[in-house]
Amino acid sequence: MAESFMIPADTHYMNLAYMYAENAAQMDEVPVGAVLVSHSGLILAGAGNNCIRSCDPTGHAEIHVLRQAGLRLCNYRFPGTTMYITLEPCAMCAAAMVHARVSRLVIGADDPKTGAVYSRYEIGSDGRLNHSFKVESGVLKEQCSQILKDFFKKKR
């Protein structure tokens, strides 16, 4: 299960990720947002989901962020970074963060159906892979959960 301590900056960066989730919702995408931050607090990249508009099944917020950061840093590894995500990542995104060597993951809302960091699987923290990351959860949990509930309620 995820650890549950929070540093003061976590709320700030999760609010930024939430803004990306709001932008995704405005584009009729599932409202998930992510931000990658360096160890010194520099925002390396941020994005929201964009699967539908881009016709790309890998168009998750986390994947966009990792791609942007790679281009910005001219590298595919990001040690010392923290990823802020409004929803617990799926298996694809969690595995991508392992490959990218993200050091810390901060999650807003749990995903009991497809969450791959602690809800359904423990990718990145179960010790089975060659890299692991620290996990904190529940940062702005209600806010991050509510935007998803509102989005899917409109779809029904």
N, C-alpha and C. Protein backbone atom coordinates (compact mmCIF):
# COMPACT_ATOMS: atom_id res chain seq x y z
N MET A 1 0.84 -1.19 0.00
CA MET A 1 0.00 0.00 0.00
C MET A 1 0.87 1.24 0.00
N ALA A 2 0.35 2.32 -0.48
CA ALA A 2 1.08 3.57 -0.59
C ALA A 2 1.37 4.17 0.77
N GLU A 3 2.52 4.83 0.86
CA GLU A 3 2.84 5.58 2.06
C GLU A 3 1.92 6.79 2.13
N SER A 4 1.81 7.41 3.29
CA SER A 4 0.88 8.51 3.39
C SER A 4 1.45 9.70 4.14
N PHE A 5 2.62 10.18 3.75
CA PHE A 5 3.10 11.43 4.29
C PHE A 5 3.23 12.41 3.13
N MET A 6 3.08 13.68 3.46
CA MET A 6 3.02 14.67 2.39
C MET A 6 3.96 15.82 2.72
N ILE A 7 4.71 16.27 1.74
CA ILE A 7 5.51 17.47 1.92
C ILE A 7 4.66 18.66 1.46
N PRO A 8 4.92 19.84 1.99
CA PRO A 8 4.06 21.00 1.67
C PRO A 8 3.90 21.29 0.18
N ALA A 9 4.92 21.06 -0.60
CA ALA A 9 4.84 21.36 -2.04
C ALA A 9 3.92 20.40 -2.77
N ASP A 10 3.60 19.25 -2.18
CA ASP A 10 2.76 18.27 -2.86
C ASP A 10 1.41 18.85 -3.27
N THR A 11 0.80 19.63 -2.40
CA THR A 11 -0.49 20.22 -2.71
C THR A 11 -0.36 21.19 -3.88
N HIS A 12 0.69 21.98 -3.89
CA HIS A 12 0.91 22.93 -4.98
C HIS A 12 1.03 22.22 -6.33
N TYR A 13 1.87 21.22 -6.40
CA TYR A 13 2.09 20.52 -7.66
C TYR A 13 0.87 19.70 -8.08
N MET A 14 0.16 19.15 -7.09
CA MET A 14 -1.06 18.40 -7.44
C MET A 14 -2.12 19.36 -7.99
N ASN A 15 -2.17 20.57 -7.48
CA ASN A 15 -3.09 21.56 -8.05
C ASN A 15 -2.76 21.85 -9.51
N LEU A 16 -1.48 21.87 -9.84
CA LEU A 16 -1.09 22.06 -11.25
C LEU A 16 -1.53 20.86 -12.09
N ALA A 17 -1.32 19.67 -11.57
CA ALA A 17 -1.77 18.47 -12.29
C ALA A 17 -3.29 18.50 -12.47
N TYR A 18 -3.98 18.97 -11.45
CA TYR A 18 -5.44 19.07 -11.52
C TYR A 18 -5.87 20.05 -12.62
N MET A 19 -5.13 21.11 -12.81
CA MET A 19 -5.44 22.05 -13.90
C MET A 19 -5.35 21.36 -15.25
N TYR A 20 -4.38 20.48 -15.42
CA TYR A 20 -4.28 19.71 -16.66
C TYR A 20 -5.46 18.75 -16.80
N ALA A 21 -5.91 18.19 -15.69
CA ALA A 21 -7.10 17.32 -15.72
C ALA A 21 -8.33 18.12 -16.14
N GLU A 22 -8.47 19.33 -15.63
CA GLU A 22 -9.58 20.20 -16.03
C GLU A 22 -9.53 20.50 -17.53
N ASN A 23 -8.34 20.78 -18.04
CA ASN A 23 -8.19 21.03 -19.48
C ASN A 23 -8.58 19.81 -20.30
N ALA A 24 -8.20 18.63 -19.84
CA ALA A 24 -8.57 17.40 -20.53
C ALA A 24 -10.09 17.25 -20.55
N ALA A 25 -10.73 17.52 -19.42
CA ALA A 25 -12.19 17.42 -19.35
C ALA A 25 -12.86 18.37 -20.32
N GLN A 26 -12.31 19.57 -20.45
CA GLN A 26 -12.87 20.55 -21.39
C GLN A 26 -12.76 20.08 -22.83
N MET A 27 -11.81 19.20 -23.11
CA MET A 27 -11.65 18.64 -24.45
C MET A 27 -12.37 17.31 -24.59
N ASP A 28 -13.20 16.98 -23.60
CA ASP A 28 -13.97 15.74 -23.56
C ASP A 28 -13.07 14.50 -23.47
N GLU A 29 -11.94 14.66 -22.82
CA GLU A 29 -11.04 13.55 -22.52
C GLU A 29 -11.24 13.17 -21.06
N VAL A 30 -10.91 11.95 -20.69
CA VAL A 30 -10.98 11.55 -19.29
C VAL A 30 -10.07 12.49 -18.50
N PRO A 31 -10.61 13.14 -17.47
CA PRO A 31 -9.86 14.19 -16.78
C PRO A 31 -8.78 13.68 -15.82
N VAL A 32 -7.64 13.41 -16.40
CA VAL A 32 -6.46 13.02 -15.64
C VAL A 32 -5.35 13.97 -16.04
N GLY A 33 -4.62 14.46 -15.04
CA GLY A 33 -3.51 15.35 -15.30
C GLY A 33 -2.27 14.89 -14.57
N ALA A 34 -1.10 15.27 -15.09
CA ALA A 34 0.17 14.87 -14.49
C ALA A 34 1.20 15.98 -14.66
N VAL A 35 2.11 16.04 -13.70
CA VAL A 35 3.21 17.00 -13.73
C VAL A 35 4.45 16.28 -13.23
N LEU A 36 5.59 16.49 -13.90
CA LEU A 36 6.86 15.93 -13.46
C LEU A 36 7.73 17.07 -12.95
N VAL A 37 8.28 16.90 -11.75
CA VAL A 37 9.04 17.95 -11.08
C VAL A 37 10.43 17.42 -10.72
N SER A 38 11.44 18.24 -10.94
CA SER A 38 12.81 17.86 -10.60
C SER A 38 13.01 17.91 -9.09
N HIS A 39 14.15 17.38 -8.64
CA HIS A 39 14.45 17.39 -7.20
C HIS A 39 14.55 18.80 -6.64
N SER A 40 14.83 19.77 -7.49
CA SER A 40 14.95 21.16 -7.04
C SER A 40 13.63 21.93 -7.15
N GLY A 41 12.57 21.28 -7.63
CA GLY A 41 11.27 21.93 -7.73
C GLY A 41 10.95 22.51 -9.09
N LEU A 42 11.80 22.31 -10.07
CA LEU A 42 11.56 22.79 -11.43
C LEU A 42 10.53 21.90 -12.11
N ILE A 43 9.51 22.51 -12.68
CA ILE A 43 8.50 21.75 -13.41
C ILE A 43 9.10 21.38 -14.77
N LEU A 44 9.27 20.10 -15.00
CA LEU A 44 9.87 19.61 -16.24
C LEU A 44 8.85 19.42 -17.34
N ALA A 45 7.63 19.05 -16.98
CA ALA A 45 6.58 18.82 -17.98
C ALA A 45 5.24 18.67 -17.28
N GLY A 46 4.19 18.93 -18.03
CA GLY A 46 2.83 18.74 -17.53
C GLY A 46 1.90 18.46 -18.71
N ALA A 47 0.87 17.66 -18.46
CA ALA A 47 -0.07 17.31 -19.53
C ALA A 47 -1.33 16.68 -18.94
N GLY A 48 -2.35 16.64 -19.78
CA GLY A 48 -3.57 15.92 -19.46
C GLY A 48 -3.77 14.79 -20.46
N ASN A 49 -4.73 13.93 -20.17
CA ASN A 49 -5.05 12.86 -21.11
C ASN A 49 -5.42 13.43 -22.47
N ASN A 50 -5.06 12.69 -23.51
CA ASN A 50 -5.37 13.12 -24.88
C ASN A 50 -5.45 11.90 -25.79
N CYS A 51 -6.10 10.85 -25.33
CA CYS A 51 -6.22 9.62 -26.12
C CYS A 51 -7.18 9.79 -27.28
N ILE A 52 -8.33 10.38 -27.02
CA ILE A 52 -9.41 10.45 -28.00
C ILE A 52 -9.04 11.39 -29.14
N ARG A 53 -8.66 12.59 -28.82
CA ARG A 53 -8.34 13.59 -29.85
C ARG A 53 -7.11 13.19 -30.68
N SER A 54 -6.16 12.52 -30.05
CA SER A 54 -4.95 12.14 -30.77
C SER A 54 -5.04 10.74 -31.39
N CYS A 55 -6.18 10.06 -31.16
CA CYS A 55 -6.34 8.69 -31.66
C CYS A 55 -5.16 7.82 -31.25
N ASP A 56 -4.80 7.94 -29.97
CA ASP A 56 -3.60 7.28 -29.47
C ASP A 56 -3.91 6.59 -28.14
N PRO A 57 -3.93 5.27 -28.11
CA PRO A 57 -4.23 4.57 -26.87
C PRO A 57 -3.18 4.81 -25.78
N THR A 58 -2.00 5.28 -26.15
CA THR A 58 -0.97 5.60 -25.17
C THR A 58 -1.00 7.07 -24.77
N GLY A 59 -2.04 7.79 -25.14
CA GLY A 59 -2.12 9.22 -24.88
C GLY A 59 -2.48 9.60 -23.47
N HIS A 60 -2.05 8.82 -22.50
CA HIS A 60 -2.32 9.13 -21.10
C HIS A 60 -1.44 10.30 -20.66
N ALA A 61 -1.92 11.03 -19.67
CA ALA A 61 -1.20 12.21 -19.17
C ALA A 61 0.24 11.87 -18.81
N GLU A 62 0.45 10.77 -18.11
CA GLU A 62 1.78 10.40 -17.66
C GLU A 62 2.73 10.15 -18.83
N ILE A 63 2.24 9.51 -19.87
CA ILE A 63 3.07 9.22 -21.04
C ILE A 63 3.45 10.52 -21.74
N HIS A 64 2.49 11.43 -21.89
CA HIS A 64 2.80 12.73 -22.49
C HIS A 64 3.88 13.45 -21.67
N VAL A 65 3.75 13.42 -20.37
CA VAL A 65 4.71 14.10 -19.50
C VAL A 65 6.10 13.49 -19.65
N LEU A 66 6.18 12.17 -19.66
CA LEU A 66 7.48 11.52 -19.82
C LEU A 66 8.11 11.85 -21.17
N ARG A 67 7.30 11.89 -22.21
CA ARG A 67 7.84 12.23 -23.54
C ARG A 67 8.33 13.68 -23.57
N GLN A 68 7.56 14.60 -23.00
CA GLN A 68 7.96 16.01 -22.97
C GLN A 68 9.26 16.18 -22.18
N ALA A 69 9.34 15.53 -21.03
CA ALA A 69 10.53 15.64 -20.19
C ALA A 69 11.75 15.07 -20.91
N GLY A 70 11.57 13.96 -21.61
CA GLY A 70 12.67 13.37 -22.35
C GLY A 70 13.23 14.32 -23.39
N LEU A 71 12.33 14.97 -24.12
CA LEU A 71 12.77 15.94 -25.12
C LEU A 71 13.45 17.14 -24.46
N ARG A 72 12.90 17.59 -23.36
CA ARG A 72 13.47 18.76 -22.67
C ARG A 72 14.85 18.47 -22.11
N LEU A 73 15.01 17.29 -21.52
CA LEU A 73 16.27 16.93 -20.87
C LEU A 73 17.24 16.19 -21.77
N CYS A 74 16.80 15.84 -22.97
CA CYS A 74 17.62 15.03 -23.88
C CYS A 74 18.08 13.74 -23.19
N ASN A 75 17.13 13.12 -22.50
CA ASN A 75 17.43 11.88 -21.80
C ASN A 75 16.12 11.11 -21.65
N TYR A 76 16.24 9.83 -21.37
CA TYR A 76 15.04 9.01 -21.15
C TYR A 76 14.93 8.55 -19.71
N ARG A 77 15.84 9.00 -18.88
CA ARG A 77 15.83 8.66 -17.46
C ARG A 77 15.73 9.94 -16.64
N PHE A 78 14.95 9.85 -15.55
CA PHE A 78 14.67 11.03 -14.74
C PHE A 78 14.85 10.76 -13.25
N PRO A 79 16.05 10.37 -12.83
CA PRO A 79 16.26 10.12 -11.40
C PRO A 79 16.08 11.41 -10.60
N GLY A 80 15.59 11.26 -9.40
CA GLY A 80 15.40 12.41 -8.53
C GLY A 80 14.13 13.20 -8.79
N THR A 81 13.29 12.71 -9.69
CA THR A 81 12.06 13.44 -10.02
C THR A 81 10.86 12.89 -9.26
N THR A 82 9.83 13.73 -9.21
CA THR A 82 8.55 13.34 -8.63
C THR A 82 7.46 13.55 -9.67
N MET A 83 6.64 12.53 -9.87
CA MET A 83 5.49 12.61 -10.76
C MET A 83 4.25 12.81 -9.90
N TYR A 84 3.48 13.85 -10.23
CA TYR A 84 2.20 14.12 -9.58
C TYR A 84 1.11 13.74 -10.56
N ILE A 85 0.19 12.88 -10.12
CA ILE A 85 -0.85 12.37 -11.00
C ILE A 85 -2.18 12.41 -10.26
N THR A 86 -3.20 12.90 -10.94
CA THR A 86 -4.50 13.04 -10.29
C THR A 86 -5.21 11.71 -10.08
N LEU A 87 -4.82 10.66 -10.80
CA LEU A 87 -5.43 9.34 -10.68
C LEU A 87 -4.34 8.28 -10.66
N GLU A 88 -4.50 7.29 -9.82
CA GLU A 88 -3.53 6.20 -9.76
C GLU A 88 -3.27 5.65 -11.16
N PRO A 89 -2.01 5.53 -11.54
CA PRO A 89 -1.66 5.10 -12.89
C PRO A 89 -2.07 3.67 -13.24
N CYS A 90 -2.28 3.46 -14.53
CA CYS A 90 -2.54 2.12 -15.07
C CYS A 90 -1.20 1.38 -15.18
N ALA A 91 -1.25 0.13 -15.60
CA ALA A 91 -0.04 -0.68 -15.72
C ALA A 91 0.94 -0.10 -16.74
N MET A 92 0.43 0.39 -17.86
CA MET A 92 1.31 0.97 -18.89
C MET A 92 2.09 2.15 -18.33
N CYS A 93 1.39 3.04 -17.65
CA CYS A 93 2.02 4.26 -17.15
C CYS A 93 2.95 3.97 -15.98
N ALA A 94 2.55 3.07 -15.10
CA ALA A 94 3.41 2.71 -13.98
C ALA A 94 4.71 2.08 -14.49
N ALA A 95 4.61 1.20 -15.49
CA ALA A 95 5.80 0.58 -16.05
C ALA A 95 6.68 1.61 -16.74
N ALA A 96 6.08 2.56 -17.43
CA ALA A 96 6.86 3.61 -18.09
C ALA A 96 7.63 4.43 -17.05
N MET A 97 7.03 4.67 -15.90
CA MET A 97 7.72 5.42 -14.85
C MET A 97 8.88 4.62 -14.25
N VAL A 98 8.73 3.30 -14.19
CA VAL A 98 9.84 2.45 -13.77
C VAL A 98 10.98 2.59 -14.76
N HIS A 99 10.69 2.48 -16.04
CA HIS A 99 11.73 2.59 -17.07
C HIS A 99 12.38 3.97 -17.07
N ALA A 100 11.61 5.00 -16.75
CA ALA A 100 12.13 6.37 -16.72
C ALA A 100 12.90 6.67 -15.44
N ARG A 101 12.84 5.78 -14.48
CA ARG A 101 13.54 5.94 -13.21
C ARG A 101 13.02 7.12 -12.38
N VAL A 102 11.71 7.36 -12.47
CA VAL A 102 11.07 8.36 -11.61
C VAL A 102 11.30 7.91 -10.17
N SER A 103 11.62 8.84 -9.28
CA SER A 103 11.96 8.47 -7.90
C SER A 103 10.77 8.45 -6.96
N ARG A 104 9.80 9.29 -7.24
CA ARG A 104 8.68 9.43 -6.31
C ARG A 104 7.41 9.67 -7.10
N LEU A 105 6.32 9.10 -6.62
CA LEU A 105 5.02 9.24 -7.27
C LEU A 105 4.02 9.72 -6.23
N VAL A 106 3.31 10.81 -6.56
CA VAL A 106 2.29 11.36 -5.68
C VAL A 106 0.96 11.28 -6.42
N ILE A 107 0.00 10.62 -5.79
CA ILE A 107 -1.28 10.31 -6.44
C ILE A 107 -2.41 11.03 -5.74
N GLY A 108 -3.37 11.51 -6.53
CA GLY A 108 -4.57 12.12 -5.98
C GLY A 108 -5.60 11.05 -5.63
N ALA A 109 -6.33 10.58 -6.64
CA ALA A 109 -7.42 9.61 -6.43
C ALA A 109 -6.95 8.18 -6.69
N ASP A 110 -7.52 7.26 -5.95
CA ASP A 110 -7.28 5.83 -6.17
C ASP A 110 -8.06 5.39 -7.40
N ASP A 111 -7.57 4.31 -8.03
CA ASP A 111 -8.30 3.69 -9.14
C ASP A 111 -8.49 2.21 -8.82
N PRO A 112 -9.58 1.89 -8.10
CA PRO A 112 -9.77 0.51 -7.67
C PRO A 112 -9.96 -0.49 -8.81
N LYS A 113 -10.31 -0.04 -9.99
CA LYS A 113 -10.54 -0.97 -11.12
C LYS A 113 -9.26 -1.27 -11.89
N THR A 114 -8.47 -0.25 -12.20
CA THR A 114 -7.29 -0.48 -13.04
C THR A 114 -6.01 0.11 -12.48
N GLY A 115 -6.02 0.58 -11.26
CA GLY A 115 -4.82 1.16 -10.66
C GLY A 115 -3.74 0.12 -10.50
N ALA A 116 -2.55 0.46 -10.97
CA ALA A 116 -1.48 -0.53 -11.00
C ALA A 116 -0.33 -0.23 -10.05
N VAL A 117 -0.53 0.74 -9.14
CA VAL A 117 0.53 1.07 -8.20
C VAL A 117 0.25 0.49 -6.82
N TYR A 118 -1.02 0.39 -6.44
CA TYR A 118 -1.36 -0.28 -5.18
C TYR A 118 -2.75 -0.89 -5.17
N SER A 119 -3.66 -0.44 -6.02
CA SER A 119 -5.02 -0.97 -5.98
C SER A 119 -5.14 -2.38 -6.56
N ARG A 120 -4.61 -2.61 -7.75
CA ARG A 120 -4.71 -3.92 -8.40
C ARG A 120 -3.35 -4.61 -8.50
N TYR A 121 -2.32 -3.84 -8.71
CA TYR A 121 -0.94 -4.33 -8.82
C TYR A 121 -0.07 -3.41 -7.96
N GLU A 122 1.19 -3.76 -7.86
CA GLU A 122 2.12 -2.92 -7.10
C GLU A 122 3.36 -2.64 -7.94
N ILE A 123 3.12 -2.22 -9.18
CA ILE A 123 4.23 -1.92 -10.07
C ILE A 123 5.00 -0.71 -9.52
N GLY A 124 6.28 -0.87 -9.41
CA GLY A 124 7.13 0.19 -8.92
C GLY A 124 7.42 0.13 -7.43
N SER A 125 6.72 -0.74 -6.72
CA SER A 125 6.99 -0.81 -5.28
C SER A 125 7.05 -2.25 -4.74
N ASP A 126 6.83 -3.24 -5.59
CA ASP A 126 6.80 -4.62 -5.09
C ASP A 126 8.17 -5.30 -5.11
N GLY A 127 9.20 -4.61 -5.57
CA GLY A 127 10.54 -5.17 -5.57
C GLY A 127 10.81 -6.17 -6.68
N ARG A 128 9.88 -6.37 -7.58
CA ARG A 128 10.06 -7.35 -8.65
C ARG A 128 10.81 -6.80 -9.85
N LEU A 129 10.86 -5.48 -9.98
CA LEU A 129 11.51 -4.87 -11.13
C LEU A 129 12.84 -4.25 -10.72
N ASN A 130 13.61 -3.79 -11.70
CA ASN A 130 14.95 -3.28 -11.43
C ASN A 130 14.96 -1.84 -10.91
N HIS A 131 13.80 -1.24 -10.72
CA HIS A 131 13.71 0.10 -10.15
C HIS A 131 12.42 0.19 -9.36
N SER A 132 12.45 0.96 -8.33
CA SER A 132 11.23 1.20 -7.56
C SER A 132 11.14 2.69 -7.26
N PHE A 133 9.94 3.13 -6.92
CA PHE A 133 9.74 4.53 -6.54
C PHE A 133 8.92 4.60 -5.27
N LYS A 134 9.10 5.70 -4.55
CA LYS A 134 8.30 5.95 -3.36
C LYS A 134 6.92 6.39 -3.80
N VAL A 135 5.90 6.03 -3.04
CA VAL A 135 4.53 6.37 -3.40
C VAL A 135 3.84 7.03 -2.23
N GLU A 136 3.22 8.17 -2.50
CA GLU A 136 2.31 8.81 -1.56
C GLU A 136 0.97 8.95 -2.27
N SER A 137 -0.09 8.82 -1.52
CA SER A 137 -1.41 8.92 -2.14
C SER A 137 -2.33 9.79 -1.31
N GLY A 138 -3.43 10.18 -1.94
CA GLY A 138 -4.47 10.92 -1.24
C GLY A 138 -4.31 12.43 -1.25
N VAL A 139 -3.37 12.96 -2.02
CA VAL A 139 -3.18 14.40 -2.09
C VAL A 139 -4.31 14.99 -2.95
N LEU A 140 -5.12 15.84 -2.37
CA LEU A 140 -6.31 16.40 -3.02
C LEU A 140 -7.25 15.30 -3.52
N LYS A 141 -7.33 14.25 -2.74
CA LYS A 141 -8.09 13.05 -3.14
C LYS A 141 -9.54 13.37 -3.51
N GLU A 142 -10.23 14.12 -2.69
CA GLU A 142 -11.64 14.41 -2.96
C GLU A 142 -11.81 15.20 -4.25
N GLN A 143 -11.00 16.19 -4.43
CA GLN A 143 -11.05 17.02 -5.64
C GLN A 143 -10.75 16.19 -6.88
N CYS A 144 -9.70 15.38 -6.80
CA CYS A 144 -9.31 14.56 -7.95
C CYS A 144 -10.35 13.49 -8.25
N SER A 145 -10.99 12.97 -7.23
CA SER A 145 -12.06 11.98 -7.43
C SER A 145 -13.31 12.63 -8.01
N GLN A 146 -13.63 13.80 -7.53
CA GLN A 146 -14.88 14.45 -7.94
C GLN A 146 -14.88 14.82 -9.42
N ILE A 147 -13.77 15.29 -9.94
CA ILE A 147 -13.74 15.67 -11.36
C ILE A 147 -14.01 14.44 -12.24
N LEU A 148 -13.54 13.28 -11.82
CA LEU A 148 -13.79 12.05 -12.57
C LEU A 148 -15.25 11.64 -12.45
N LYS A 149 -15.80 11.71 -11.24
CA LYS A 149 -17.21 11.37 -11.04
C LYS A 149 -18.11 12.27 -11.88
N ASP A 150 -17.82 13.57 -11.86
CA ASP A 150 -18.63 14.53 -12.64
C ASP A 150 -18.53 14.25 -14.14
N PHE A 151 -17.34 13.94 -14.60
CA PHE A 151 -17.12 13.67 -16.02
C PHE A 151 -17.94 12.45 -16.47
N PHE A 152 -17.85 11.37 -15.72
CA PHE A 152 -18.55 10.15 -16.12
C PHE A 152 -20.05 10.25 -15.90
N LYS A 153 -20.47 11.05 -14.96
CA LYS A 153 -21.90 11.28 -14.75
C LYS A 153 -22.50 11.96 -15.99
N LYS A 154 -21.80 12.90 -16.57
CA LYS A 154 -22.25 13.57 -17.79
C LYS A 154 -22.32 12.60 -18.97
N LYS A 155 -21.46 11.61 -18.97
CA LYS A 155 -21.42 10.64 -20.08
C LYS A 155 -22.59 9.66 -20.04
N ARG A 156 -23.17 9.46 -18.88
CA ARG A 156 -24.25 8.46 -18.74
C ARG A 156 -25.57 8.99 -19.19
